[in-house]
Amino acid sequence: MFKPFYFSSALWQFRQIVLAKVYSAAVYGVDAFEVEIEVNGAGGNPVIVVVGLPDVAVKESKDRVTTAISNSGYHWPHGRTTINLAPADVKKEGPSFDLPIALAMIAVGAEVELPNVGQFCFVGELALTGQVRPVRGVLPVALEARRCGRKAVVVPVENAREAAMVEGIDVYGVQNLREAFEFLTGEKTLVPVREDITQFFARHQDYEVDFADVRGQHHVKRAIEVAVAGNHNALFIGPPGSGKSMIAKRIPTIIPPMALEEAIESTKIHSICGLLIDPSHSFVATRPFRAPHHTISDVGLIGGGATPTPGEISIAHNGVLFLDELPEFRRTTLEVLRQPLEDARVTISRAAGSMCFPADFMLIAAMNPCKCGYFGDPKRECRCSPLDVQRYRDRISGPLLDRIDIHVEVPAVQYREMSSNVPGEASAAIRERVEKARTVQHARFAQLGKTRTNSRMSARHIKRFCALGEAAEGMMKMAMTELNFSARAYDRILKVARTIADLAGSEEIAADHIGEAIQYRTLDRNLWA
């Protein structure tokens, strides 16, 4: 018969095992998953072991945590301490687990139970002094905590407003480790941070720029209005100083305001990329505008790395990606845009798995007509040969140009237009017309899945919604034969013409709509030959 074996009191020299459990969350892609942190204290040699597939930053946390605990006036277990981060089959990264690990270690060291600890989710990096530092990805963490049924999240005070944008869960901001532990044990009371999303939107949906600042360039502003109304990608072609960048920066001001769902998607990406640390910019309420330099790498533009993170195209999600000096970008860098422009998302595959980042942006590109910038300029002589001009243009591949619906020339602004005191049309007036056109498109595509704007129409949709009358058909036939347009230009012209008709409130695509759309195919009309 089995007889249990007991240590005598003289032989038992180690204290009783104590286990503490707290909850945190980690970011994976643009979402988060819950992490259960278990700290087990036992007798034996004083050593701290972190398991659960931690990265270097998580392994180093034991040194930050123990020092912060000591400097906060607490003790940690001095025997063998095992820290487990579950689930153990997913890699854990970053310093955001410092705070929950420290709280569990203090509880084990003091052999106390933490009341109601299962209702909370904790994230935060610890300084050696015990101060709680801000971390990335707090918004997706708060969303995951709510999904898992947690009642509250405890975050660094700098991240509190960001997390407070999530309704249905209390958010507490803490400044240091002692404050967090005293709050958890009931010795200290904290007031949850509140944020009214509706009022926040009302306060932060204004732009610092406006189309009223743009002098002249009326045909360019018209082209941009058409591009935004149908969500068409556009390319500006003009000499230096003609206002291409100035106009591009004002495009977000005429895009319809962000819906709450769009704002949450964009804020999650900005949070993961560390762009929301400033408390005054804790939520993305306006359309993003990103203008990366032409020296950017493939990874910087599309995202990636050993642990994939979002790139510029994902940061521009629901907004505008502006590529100035388009031919100066490396060709391989530009080619990675082809899939995101088609699918509105980017998939990055690594040995550990694949991550999918949203990338539904409007591409606005700008380029000079030639390398020196003055080809076709009536006042300045171009120093480029026809072969140089062609080589400069050929830096942009055909498949990429195939995904840009509108090409518009941007000439130099005349003095009388620059010196005029008459303001241009305000962004609000342009945006009103854009919203009406988009309302028409949303109603048209309501029963057609994810298609919501004219730029996303498939060949089947074009055939159904872009039927031409006799006059419009004649205009299109002339363009295809006389101007030698390609088959890819044919579909682009029909899509843009459909948008022009929507802006005009017309059910049918008329000949003048086709004529205007043809004018937006500069590169196809071989004007550089």
Protein backbone atom coordinates (compact mmCIF):
# COMPACT_ATOMS: atom_id res chain seq x y z
CA MET A 1 0.00 0.00 0.00
CA PHE A 2 1.29 3.45 -0.95
CA LYS A 3 2.34 5.59 1.99
CA PRO A 4 2.73 9.34 1.54
CA PHE A 5 6.16 10.72 2.31
CA TYR A 6 6.44 13.74 4.60
CA PHE A 7 9.38 16.01 5.30
CA SER A 8 10.04 16.53 8.96
CA SER A 9 9.93 20.14 10.15
CA ALA A 10 13.71 19.96 10.67
CA LEU A 11 14.30 19.03 7.04
CA TRP A 12 11.77 21.42 5.51
CA GLN A 13 13.77 24.59 5.08
CA PHE A 14 11.92 26.14 2.18
CA ARG A 15 8.80 28.20 2.40
CA GLN A 16 5.50 27.08 0.93
CA ILE A 17 4.96 27.52 -2.80
CA VAL A 18 2.87 30.62 -3.68
CA LEU A 19 1.24 31.26 -7.06
CA ALA A 20 -0.13 34.55 -8.43
CA LYS A 21 -1.92 35.10 -11.70
CA VAL A 22 -2.60 38.37 -13.56
CA TYR A 23 -3.77 39.17 -17.08
CA SER A 24 -2.17 41.24 -19.79
CA ALA A 25 -2.30 41.34 -23.61
CA ALA A 26 0.14 41.41 -26.51
CA VAL A 27 -0.16 42.80 -30.02
CA TYR A 28 -0.06 40.47 -33.02
CA GLY A 29 -0.45 42.21 -36.36
CA VAL A 30 -3.00 44.96 -35.77
CA ASP A 31 -4.95 43.08 -33.10
CA ALA A 32 -4.12 41.84 -29.62
CA PHE A 33 -4.45 38.54 -27.79
CA GLU A 34 -4.76 37.95 -24.06
CA VAL A 35 -1.71 36.79 -22.14
CA GLU A 36 -2.04 35.03 -18.79
CA ILE A 37 0.95 35.74 -16.55
CA GLU A 38 1.66 33.24 -13.79
CA VAL A 39 4.35 33.80 -11.18
CA ASN A 40 5.30 30.84 -9.02
CA GLY A 41 7.57 31.25 -6.00
CA ALA A 42 9.26 28.22 -4.44
CA GLY A 43 12.23 27.29 -2.37
CA GLY A 44 15.62 26.60 -3.83
CA ASN A 45 18.38 28.65 -5.36
CA PRO A 46 17.49 32.31 -5.96
CA VAL A 47 16.88 32.44 -9.70
CA ILE A 48 14.21 33.95 -11.94
CA VAL A 49 13.14 31.98 -15.00
CA VAL A 50 10.88 33.42 -17.72
CA VAL A 51 9.12 30.88 -19.95
CA GLY A 52 6.42 31.13 -22.59
CA LEU A 53 8.42 32.02 -25.70
CA PRO A 54 9.68 35.46 -24.57
CA ASP A 55 11.88 37.67 -26.74
CA VAL A 56 14.99 39.48 -25.50
CA ALA A 57 13.06 42.49 -24.18
CA VAL A 58 10.78 40.20 -22.14
CA LYS A 59 13.71 38.19 -20.78
CA GLU A 60 15.41 41.41 -19.68
CA SER A 61 12.28 42.43 -17.82
CA LYS A 62 13.32 40.41 -14.76
CA ASP A 63 16.19 42.85 -14.15
CA ARG A 64 14.00 45.92 -14.64
CA VAL A 65 11.21 44.44 -12.54
CA THR A 66 13.32 43.36 -9.55
CA THR A 67 15.06 46.74 -9.38
CA ALA A 68 11.75 48.61 -9.70
CA ILE A 69 10.23 46.45 -6.94
CA SER A 70 13.12 47.19 -4.58
CA ASN A 71 13.05 50.92 -5.31
CA SER A 72 9.30 50.93 -4.68
CA GLY A 73 9.76 49.49 -1.20
CA TYR A 74 8.56 45.94 -1.87
CA HIS A 75 10.15 42.47 -1.90
CA TRP A 76 10.07 39.75 -4.50
CA PRO A 77 10.44 35.98 -3.99
CA HIS A 78 14.09 35.18 -3.23
CA GLY A 79 13.87 31.48 -4.03
CA ARG A 80 13.31 29.98 -7.44
CA THR A 81 10.74 32.11 -9.24
CA THR A 82 9.12 30.92 -12.47
CA ILE A 83 7.28 33.39 -14.67
CA ASN A 84 5.04 31.80 -17.30
CA LEU A 85 3.47 33.74 -20.18
CA ALA A 86 0.58 31.79 -21.67
CA PRO A 87 -0.20 30.82 -24.37
CA ALA A 88 3.28 29.40 -24.62
CA ASP A 89 3.26 28.79 -28.37
CA VAL A 90 3.06 32.48 -29.38
CA LYS A 91 6.10 34.72 -29.15
CA LYS A 92 5.85 37.55 -26.61
CA GLU A 93 7.62 40.81 -27.41
CA GLY A 94 8.32 44.18 -25.88
CA PRO A 95 8.44 45.64 -22.38
CA SER A 96 4.67 45.95 -21.86
CA PHE A 97 4.61 42.94 -19.49
CA ASP A 98 6.81 44.65 -16.87
CA LEU A 99 3.91 46.00 -14.81
CA PRO A 100 1.81 42.81 -14.58
CA ILE A 101 4.92 40.69 -13.85
CA ALA A 102 5.95 43.07 -11.07
CA LEU A 103 2.49 43.05 -9.48
CA ALA A 104 2.41 39.25 -9.46
CA MET A 105 5.94 39.03 -8.03
CA ILE A 106 5.09 41.45 -5.21
CA ALA A 107 2.00 39.40 -4.37
CA VAL A 108 4.07 36.20 -4.27
CA GLY A 109 6.83 37.81 -2.21
CA ALA A 110 4.32 39.14 0.34
CA GLU A 111 2.22 35.98 0.15
CA VAL A 112 -0.98 37.97 -0.30
CA GLU A 113 -3.93 37.40 -2.58
CA LEU A 114 -4.92 40.12 -5.04
CA PRO A 115 -8.69 40.66 -4.78
CA ASN A 116 -10.61 40.76 -8.04
CA VAL A 117 -7.38 40.59 -10.07
CA GLY A 118 -9.20 38.61 -12.76
CA GLN A 119 -11.25 41.67 -13.64
CA PHE A 120 -8.22 43.67 -14.76
CA CYS A 121 -5.82 43.72 -17.68
CA PHE A 122 -2.40 45.33 -17.11
CA VAL A 123 0.21 46.74 -19.48
CA GLY A 124 3.14 49.05 -18.89
CA GLU A 125 6.92 49.31 -19.00
CA LEU A 126 8.79 49.92 -15.74
CA ALA A 127 11.67 52.27 -15.15
CA LEU A 128 14.22 51.28 -12.52
CA THR A 129 12.65 53.83 -10.19
CA GLY A 130 9.26 52.10 -10.42
CA GLN A 131 7.78 54.70 -12.75
CA VAL A 132 5.38 53.29 -15.35
CA ARG A 133 6.32 54.28 -18.89
CA PRO A 134 3.99 54.38 -21.92
CA VAL A 135 3.88 51.48 -24.38
CA ARG A 136 2.63 50.86 -27.88
CA GLY A 137 -0.60 49.16 -28.91
CA VAL A 138 -2.78 50.16 -25.94
CA LEU A 139 -5.94 50.60 -28.03
CA PRO A 140 -5.97 47.02 -29.42
CA VAL A 141 -5.12 45.80 -25.90
CA ALA A 142 -8.17 47.58 -24.48
CA LEU A 143 -10.36 46.16 -27.24
CA GLU A 144 -9.10 42.64 -26.51
CA ALA A 145 -9.63 43.08 -22.75
CA ARG A 146 -13.23 44.08 -23.38
CA ARG A 147 -13.72 41.10 -25.70
CA CYS A 148 -12.36 38.75 -23.01
CA GLY A 149 -14.78 40.10 -20.42
CA ARG A 150 -12.35 42.12 -18.31
CA LYS A 151 -13.97 44.99 -16.43
CA ALA A 152 -11.02 47.38 -16.54
CA VAL A 153 -7.53 47.99 -17.91
CA VAL A 154 -4.65 49.52 -15.98
CA VAL A 155 -2.26 51.36 -18.27
CA PRO A 156 0.43 54.06 -18.05
CA VAL A 157 -1.14 57.44 -17.44
CA GLU A 158 0.15 58.69 -20.83
CA ASN A 159 -1.84 55.94 -22.57
CA ALA A 160 -5.04 56.37 -20.58
CA ARG A 161 -6.86 58.67 -23.02
CA GLU A 162 -6.09 56.36 -25.90
CA ALA A 163 -7.53 53.34 -24.08
CA ALA A 164 -10.52 55.39 -22.88
CA MET A 165 -11.76 55.57 -26.48
CA VAL A 166 -12.99 51.99 -26.01
CA GLU A 167 -16.49 52.03 -24.62
CA GLY A 168 -17.74 49.48 -22.12
CA ILE A 169 -14.56 49.12 -20.06
CA ASP A 170 -13.02 51.22 -17.27
CA VAL A 171 -9.56 52.66 -17.83
CA TYR A 172 -7.17 53.54 -15.00
CA GLY A 173 -3.93 55.39 -15.57
CA VAL A 174 -1.08 54.80 -13.11
CA GLN A 175 2.17 56.69 -12.70
CA ASN A 176 4.25 54.17 -10.77
CA LEU A 177 4.36 50.62 -9.47
CA ARG A 178 3.42 51.49 -5.88
CA GLU A 179 0.30 53.31 -7.04
CA ALA A 180 -0.73 50.31 -9.16
CA PHE A 181 -0.24 47.79 -6.34
CA GLU A 182 -2.04 49.91 -3.75
CA PHE A 183 -4.94 50.34 -6.17
CA LEU A 184 -5.08 46.60 -6.77
CA THR A 185 -5.11 45.80 -3.04
CA GLY A 186 -7.73 48.49 -2.29
CA GLU A 187 -5.38 50.78 -0.35
CA LYS A 188 -5.72 53.53 -2.96
CA THR A 189 -8.65 54.74 -5.04
CA LEU A 190 -8.25 55.81 -8.65
CA VAL A 191 -10.79 57.60 -10.79
CA PRO A 192 -11.34 55.96 -14.18
CA VAL A 193 -10.44 58.06 -17.20
CA ARG A 194 -13.44 58.99 -19.34
CA GLU A 195 -13.50 60.23 -22.93
CA ASP A 196 -16.57 61.09 -24.99
CA ILE A 197 -15.79 59.95 -28.53
CA THR A 198 -18.47 62.17 -30.08
CA GLN A 199 -17.10 65.31 -28.43
CA PHE A 200 -13.54 64.25 -29.21
CA PHE A 201 -14.43 63.96 -32.90
CA ALA A 202 -16.09 67.36 -32.84
CA ARG A 203 -12.95 68.94 -31.34
CA HIS A 204 -10.34 67.21 -33.49
CA GLN A 205 -11.77 66.88 -37.00
CA ASP A 206 -10.46 70.22 -38.21
CA TYR A 207 -7.50 70.52 -40.57
CA GLU A 208 -4.80 73.16 -40.46
CA VAL A 209 -4.82 73.54 -44.26
CA ASP A 210 -7.56 74.33 -46.77
CA PHE A 211 -7.99 74.38 -50.53
CA ALA A 212 -8.84 78.07 -50.21
CA ASP A 213 -5.08 78.63 -49.85
CA VAL A 214 -4.42 77.34 -53.38
CA ARG A 215 -4.24 80.08 -56.01
CA GLY A 216 -5.07 79.18 -59.60
CA GLN A 217 -4.74 75.56 -60.78
CA HIS A 218 -8.50 75.30 -61.24
CA HIS A 219 -8.31 72.34 -63.60
CA VAL A 220 -6.02 70.50 -61.13
CA LYS A 221 -8.46 71.07 -58.27
CA ARG A 222 -11.24 69.80 -60.50
CA ALA A 223 -9.24 66.66 -61.25
CA ILE A 224 -8.65 66.13 -57.52
CA GLU A 225 -12.35 66.54 -56.83
CA VAL A 226 -13.08 63.81 -59.39
CA ALA A 227 -10.34 61.60 -57.96
CA VAL A 228 -11.62 61.88 -54.38
CA ALA A 229 -15.26 61.48 -55.38
CA GLY A 230 -14.52 58.09 -56.97
CA ASN A 231 -11.53 57.21 -54.77
CA HIS A 232 -9.29 57.15 -57.85
CA ASN A 233 -5.51 57.16 -57.58
CA ALA A 234 -3.93 60.20 -59.25
CA LEU A 235 -0.58 61.30 -60.67
CA PHE A 236 0.55 64.94 -60.90
CA ILE A 237 3.00 65.88 -63.66
CA GLY A 238 4.53 69.32 -63.55
CA PRO A 239 7.70 71.41 -63.08
CA PRO A 240 9.21 72.18 -59.68
CA GLY A 241 7.31 74.80 -57.70
CA SER A 242 4.01 74.33 -59.51
CA GLY A 243 2.17 73.43 -56.29
CA LYS A 244 1.94 69.63 -56.54
CA SER A 245 2.87 69.05 -52.88
CA MET A 246 0.71 71.92 -51.66
CA ILE A 247 -2.35 70.51 -53.39
CA ALA A 248 -1.62 66.95 -52.23
CA LYS A 249 -1.47 68.00 -48.56
CA ARG A 250 -4.98 69.41 -48.84
CA ILE A 251 -6.60 66.32 -50.35
CA PRO A 252 -7.59 64.82 -46.94
CA THR A 253 -9.64 67.97 -46.26
CA ILE A 254 -12.13 67.10 -49.03
CA ILE A 255 -12.46 63.39 -48.25
CA PRO A 256 -15.65 62.66 -46.25
CA PRO A 257 -15.02 62.65 -42.46
CA MET A 258 -13.91 59.42 -40.85
CA ALA A 259 -16.54 57.13 -39.39
CA LEU A 260 -15.93 55.72 -35.91
CA GLU A 261 -15.03 52.28 -37.27
CA GLU A 262 -12.48 53.81 -39.65
CA ALA A 263 -11.01 55.93 -36.87
CA ILE A 264 -10.55 52.89 -34.62
CA GLU A 265 -8.83 50.96 -37.43
CA SER A 266 -6.43 53.83 -38.13
CA THR A 267 -5.78 54.47 -34.45
CA LYS A 268 -4.88 50.82 -33.85
CA ILE A 269 -2.21 51.01 -36.55
CA HIS A 270 -0.84 54.33 -35.29
CA SER A 271 -0.78 52.96 -31.75
CA ILE A 272 1.18 49.87 -32.75
CA CYS A 273 3.68 52.08 -34.61
CA GLY A 274 4.18 54.30 -31.54
CA LEU A 275 2.62 57.41 -33.09
CA LEU A 276 0.16 58.12 -30.25
CA ILE A 277 2.48 58.60 -27.29
CA ASP A 278 1.63 62.32 -27.19
CA PRO A 279 -1.56 62.57 -25.04
CA SER A 280 -2.88 65.40 -27.25
CA HIS A 281 -2.95 62.98 -30.22
CA SER A 282 -4.42 59.93 -28.51
CA PHE A 283 -6.88 59.16 -31.31
CA VAL A 284 -6.85 59.53 -35.09
CA ALA A 285 -9.88 61.67 -35.94
CA THR A 286 -8.74 63.06 -39.32
CA ARG A 287 -7.70 61.33 -42.51
CA PRO A 288 -4.03 60.27 -42.33
CA PHE A 289 -1.59 61.87 -44.77
CA ARG A 290 1.76 60.16 -45.23
CA ALA A 291 4.54 61.42 -47.48
CA PRO A 292 7.58 59.12 -47.18
CA HIS A 293 10.91 60.19 -48.67
CA HIS A 294 11.97 58.56 -51.94
CA THR A 295 14.88 56.83 -50.16
CA ILE A 296 12.47 54.68 -48.15
CA SER A 297 13.10 50.93 -48.18
CA ASP A 298 10.66 48.21 -49.21
CA VAL A 299 10.10 47.26 -45.56
CA GLY A 300 9.55 50.88 -44.55
CA LEU A 301 6.91 51.33 -47.22
CA ILE A 302 5.02 48.04 -47.09
CA GLY A 303 5.93 46.85 -43.57
CA GLY A 304 7.81 43.80 -42.38
CA GLY A 305 10.93 43.03 -40.41
CA ALA A 306 11.84 40.01 -38.31
CA THR A 307 8.63 40.69 -36.43
CA PRO A 308 6.37 42.28 -39.05
CA THR A 309 5.12 45.76 -38.24
CA PRO A 310 2.96 48.08 -40.37
CA GLY A 311 4.64 50.22 -43.02
CA GLU A 312 3.75 53.61 -44.47
CA ILE A 313 0.98 52.21 -46.65
CA SER A 314 -0.79 50.81 -43.57
CA ILE A 315 -0.25 53.99 -41.57
CA ALA A 316 -1.98 55.77 -44.47
CA HIS A 317 -4.97 53.40 -44.17
CA ASN A 318 -8.23 55.34 -44.70
CA GLY A 319 -6.21 58.33 -45.85
CA VAL A 320 -3.71 59.50 -48.46
CA LEU A 321 -0.27 58.17 -49.37
CA PHE A 322 1.70 60.85 -51.23
CA LEU A 323 4.76 59.79 -53.20
CA ASP A 324 6.60 62.89 -54.36
CA GLU A 325 9.29 62.56 -57.05
CA LEU A 326 7.83 59.19 -58.02
CA PRO A 327 10.58 58.17 -60.51
CA GLU A 328 13.22 58.69 -57.80
CA PHE A 329 11.84 55.80 -55.73
CA ARG A 330 13.57 52.49 -56.27
CA ARG A 331 11.68 50.43 -58.81
CA THR A 332 11.55 47.40 -56.51
CA THR A 333 10.05 49.61 -53.80
CA LEU A 334 7.30 50.85 -56.10
CA GLU A 335 6.50 47.35 -57.31
CA VAL A 336 5.47 46.24 -53.81
CA LEU A 337 2.54 48.65 -54.08
CA ARG A 338 0.83 46.60 -56.74
CA GLN A 339 -0.87 44.06 -54.46
CA PRO A 340 -2.02 46.59 -51.81
CA LEU A 341 -3.50 48.84 -54.49
CA GLU A 342 -5.58 45.93 -55.76
CA ASP A 343 -6.52 44.23 -52.49
CA ALA A 344 -6.55 47.18 -50.01
CA ARG A 345 -4.40 45.10 -47.67
CA VAL A 346 -0.87 43.73 -47.51
CA THR A 347 0.12 40.23 -46.45
CA ILE A 348 3.61 39.68 -45.04
CA SER A 349 4.82 36.10 -44.69
CA ARG A 350 7.62 34.97 -42.42
CA ALA A 351 8.80 31.62 -41.11
CA ALA A 352 6.68 32.02 -37.99
CA GLY A 353 3.52 32.78 -40.00
CA SER A 354 1.72 35.44 -41.99
CA MET A 355 0.34 38.79 -40.93
CA CYS A 356 -2.22 40.85 -42.79
CA PHE A 357 -2.26 44.63 -42.41
CA PRO A 358 -5.02 46.88 -43.81
CA ALA A 359 -3.87 49.25 -46.56
CA ASP A 360 -6.93 50.94 -48.05
CA PHE A 361 -5.42 54.27 -49.07
CA MET A 362 -5.67 56.77 -51.90
CA LEU A 363 -2.40 56.98 -53.82
CA ILE A 364 -1.35 60.46 -54.93
CA ALA A 365 1.95 60.60 -56.81
CA ALA A 366 3.88 63.52 -58.27
CA MET A 367 6.69 63.75 -60.77
CA ASN A 368 8.50 66.21 -63.01
CA PRO A 369 7.96 65.93 -66.78
CA CYS A 370 11.67 65.13 -67.14
CA LYS A 371 14.79 64.85 -65.02
CA CYS A 372 15.56 68.58 -65.09
CA GLY A 373 11.89 69.34 -64.61
CA TYR A 374 11.26 71.77 -67.46
CA PHE A 375 10.23 69.67 -70.45
CA GLY A 376 7.46 71.59 -72.24
CA ASP A 377 7.93 74.71 -70.08
CA PRO A 378 7.35 77.81 -72.27
CA LYS A 379 9.77 79.97 -70.27
CA ARG A 380 12.63 77.68 -69.26
CA GLU A 381 14.67 75.52 -71.55
CA CYS A 382 14.79 71.76 -70.97
CA ARG A 383 18.27 70.25 -70.92
CA CYS A 384 17.07 66.67 -71.47
CA SER A 385 17.18 64.80 -74.76
CA PRO A 386 14.11 62.85 -75.94
CA LEU A 387 15.88 59.67 -74.89
CA ASP A 388 16.49 61.10 -71.39
CA VAL A 389 12.82 62.01 -71.10
CA GLN A 390 11.77 58.52 -72.12
CA ARG A 391 14.20 56.89 -69.69
CA TYR A 392 12.93 59.09 -66.89
CA ARG A 393 9.36 58.07 -67.62
CA ASP A 394 10.28 54.39 -67.93
CA ARG A 395 11.39 54.32 -64.28
CA ILE A 396 7.71 53.86 -63.51
CA SER A 397 6.48 50.44 -64.59
CA GLY A 398 3.40 49.87 -66.69
CA PRO A 399 1.66 47.68 -64.10
CA LEU A 400 1.93 50.49 -61.53
CA LEU A 401 0.63 53.11 -63.96
CA ASP A 402 -2.18 50.69 -64.72
CA ARG A 403 -3.41 51.23 -61.16
CA ILE A 404 -3.46 55.03 -61.43
CA ASP A 405 -6.71 56.25 -62.99
CA ILE A 406 -6.00 59.98 -63.34
CA HIS A 407 -2.93 61.69 -64.82
CA VAL A 408 -3.08 65.48 -64.63
CA GLU A 409 -0.64 68.14 -65.74
CA VAL A 410 0.21 70.82 -63.21
CA PRO A 411 1.72 73.86 -64.97
CA ALA A 412 3.58 76.66 -63.24
CA VAL A 413 1.32 79.21 -61.55
CA GLN A 414 1.11 82.60 -63.24
CA TYR A 415 2.02 85.73 -61.31
CA ARG A 416 -1.43 87.27 -61.59
CA GLU A 417 -2.90 84.18 -59.95
CA MET A 418 -0.32 84.11 -57.14
CA SER A 419 -0.81 87.82 -56.38
CA SER A 420 -4.60 87.65 -56.48
CA ASN A 421 -6.43 88.47 -53.24
CA VAL A 422 -9.42 86.38 -54.25
CA PRO A 423 -9.38 83.16 -52.16
CA GLY A 424 -9.88 79.83 -53.84
CA GLU A 425 -12.87 77.60 -53.21
CA ALA A 426 -12.88 76.27 -49.63
CA SER A 427 -12.45 72.60 -48.85
CA ALA A 428 -15.87 72.43 -47.19
CA ALA A 429 -17.65 73.33 -50.44
CA ILE A 430 -15.68 70.76 -52.44
CA ARG A 431 -16.20 68.10 -49.77
CA GLU A 432 -19.97 68.65 -49.91
CA ARG A 433 -20.03 67.76 -53.61
CA VAL A 434 -17.75 64.78 -53.01
CA GLU A 435 -20.04 63.44 -50.29
CA LYS A 436 -23.07 63.66 -52.58
CA ALA A 437 -21.24 61.72 -55.30
CA ARG A 438 -20.12 59.06 -52.84
CA THR A 439 -23.65 58.72 -51.49
CA VAL A 440 -24.79 57.88 -55.00
CA GLN A 441 -22.02 55.28 -55.33
CA HIS A 442 -22.77 53.68 -51.96
CA ALA A 443 -26.40 53.29 -52.96
CA ARG A 444 -25.38 51.83 -56.33
CA PHE A 445 -23.03 49.25 -54.84
CA ALA A 446 -25.01 48.52 -51.66
CA GLN A 447 -25.76 44.94 -52.71
CA LEU A 448 -22.39 44.22 -54.31
CA GLY A 449 -20.16 43.19 -51.43
CA LYS A 450 -17.11 45.29 -50.60
CA THR A 451 -17.31 47.54 -53.67
CA ARG A 452 -18.24 51.03 -52.47
CA THR A 453 -16.66 53.44 -54.95
CA ASN A 454 -16.22 53.61 -58.71
CA SER A 455 -12.50 52.95 -58.57
CA ARG A 456 -13.19 49.44 -57.23
CA MET A 457 -15.51 48.40 -60.04
CA SER A 458 -14.72 45.10 -61.72
CA ALA A 459 -15.16 44.38 -65.43
CA ARG A 460 -18.65 43.06 -64.70
CA HIS A 461 -19.57 46.24 -62.82
CA ILE A 462 -18.20 48.44 -65.62
CA LYS A 463 -20.35 46.66 -68.17
CA ARG A 464 -23.42 47.06 -65.96
CA PHE A 465 -23.02 50.64 -64.73
CA CYS A 466 -21.00 52.34 -67.48
CA ALA A 467 -23.20 51.86 -70.53
CA LEU A 468 -22.63 54.60 -73.13
CA GLY A 469 -25.07 56.41 -75.36
CA GLU A 470 -24.46 56.96 -79.05
CA ALA A 471 -22.59 60.27 -78.65
CA ALA A 472 -20.47 59.01 -75.76
CA GLU A 473 -19.72 55.81 -77.68
CA GLY A 474 -18.54 57.87 -80.64
CA MET A 475 -16.28 59.94 -78.43
CA MET A 476 -14.76 56.82 -76.89
CA LYS A 477 -14.23 55.19 -80.29
CA MET A 478 -12.37 58.27 -81.52
CA ALA A 479 -10.15 58.26 -78.44
CA MET A 480 -9.26 54.62 -78.86
CA THR A 481 -8.41 54.98 -82.54
CA GLU A 482 -7.04 58.49 -82.94
CA LEU A 483 -5.10 58.67 -79.66
CA ASN A 484 -4.12 55.00 -79.73
CA PHE A 485 -5.27 54.31 -76.16
CA SER A 486 -4.58 50.90 -74.68
CA ALA A 487 -7.15 48.45 -73.39
CA ARG A 488 -6.20 49.27 -69.79
CA ALA A 489 -6.88 52.97 -70.47
CA TYR A 490 -10.37 52.07 -71.75
CA ASP A 491 -11.56 50.77 -68.38
CA ARG A 492 -9.91 53.66 -66.52
CA ILE A 493 -11.66 56.22 -68.70
CA LEU A 494 -15.03 54.57 -68.12
CA LYS A 495 -14.53 54.51 -64.34
CA VAL A 496 -13.52 58.15 -64.21
CA ALA A 497 -16.36 59.14 -66.55
CA ARG A 498 -18.81 57.34 -64.25
CA THR A 499 -17.51 59.45 -61.34
CA ILE A 500 -17.79 62.68 -63.38
CA ALA A 501 -21.39 61.78 -64.18
CA ASP A 502 -22.09 61.14 -60.49
CA LEU A 503 -20.71 64.57 -59.60
CA ALA A 504 -23.02 66.06 -62.23
CA GLY A 505 -25.99 64.10 -60.87
CA SER A 506 -26.42 62.27 -64.18
CA GLU A 507 -27.64 58.71 -64.48
CA GLU A 508 -26.07 58.32 -67.93
CA ILE A 509 -22.49 58.92 -69.00
CA ALA A 510 -22.58 61.70 -71.58
CA ALA A 511 -20.05 62.62 -74.26
CA ASP A 512 -18.70 65.55 -72.25
CA HIS A 513 -18.07 63.19 -69.30
CA ILE A 514 -16.04 60.94 -71.59
CA GLY A 515 -14.20 63.95 -72.98
CA GLU A 516 -13.17 65.17 -69.54
CA ALA A 517 -12.06 61.68 -68.51
CA ILE A 518 -9.87 61.48 -71.63
CA GLN A 519 -8.10 64.67 -70.56
CA TYR A 520 -7.01 62.85 -67.40
CA ARG A 521 -4.90 60.32 -69.34
CA THR A 522 -1.83 62.47 -70.01
CA LEU A 523 0.64 59.61 -70.16
CA ASP A 524 -1.52 57.57 -72.51
CA ARG A 525 -1.89 60.50 -74.94
CA ASN A 526 1.88 60.39 -75.62
CA LEU A 527 2.30 64.10 -75.00
CA TRP A 528 6.00 63.57 -74.30
CA ALA A 529 6.86 62.08 -77.64
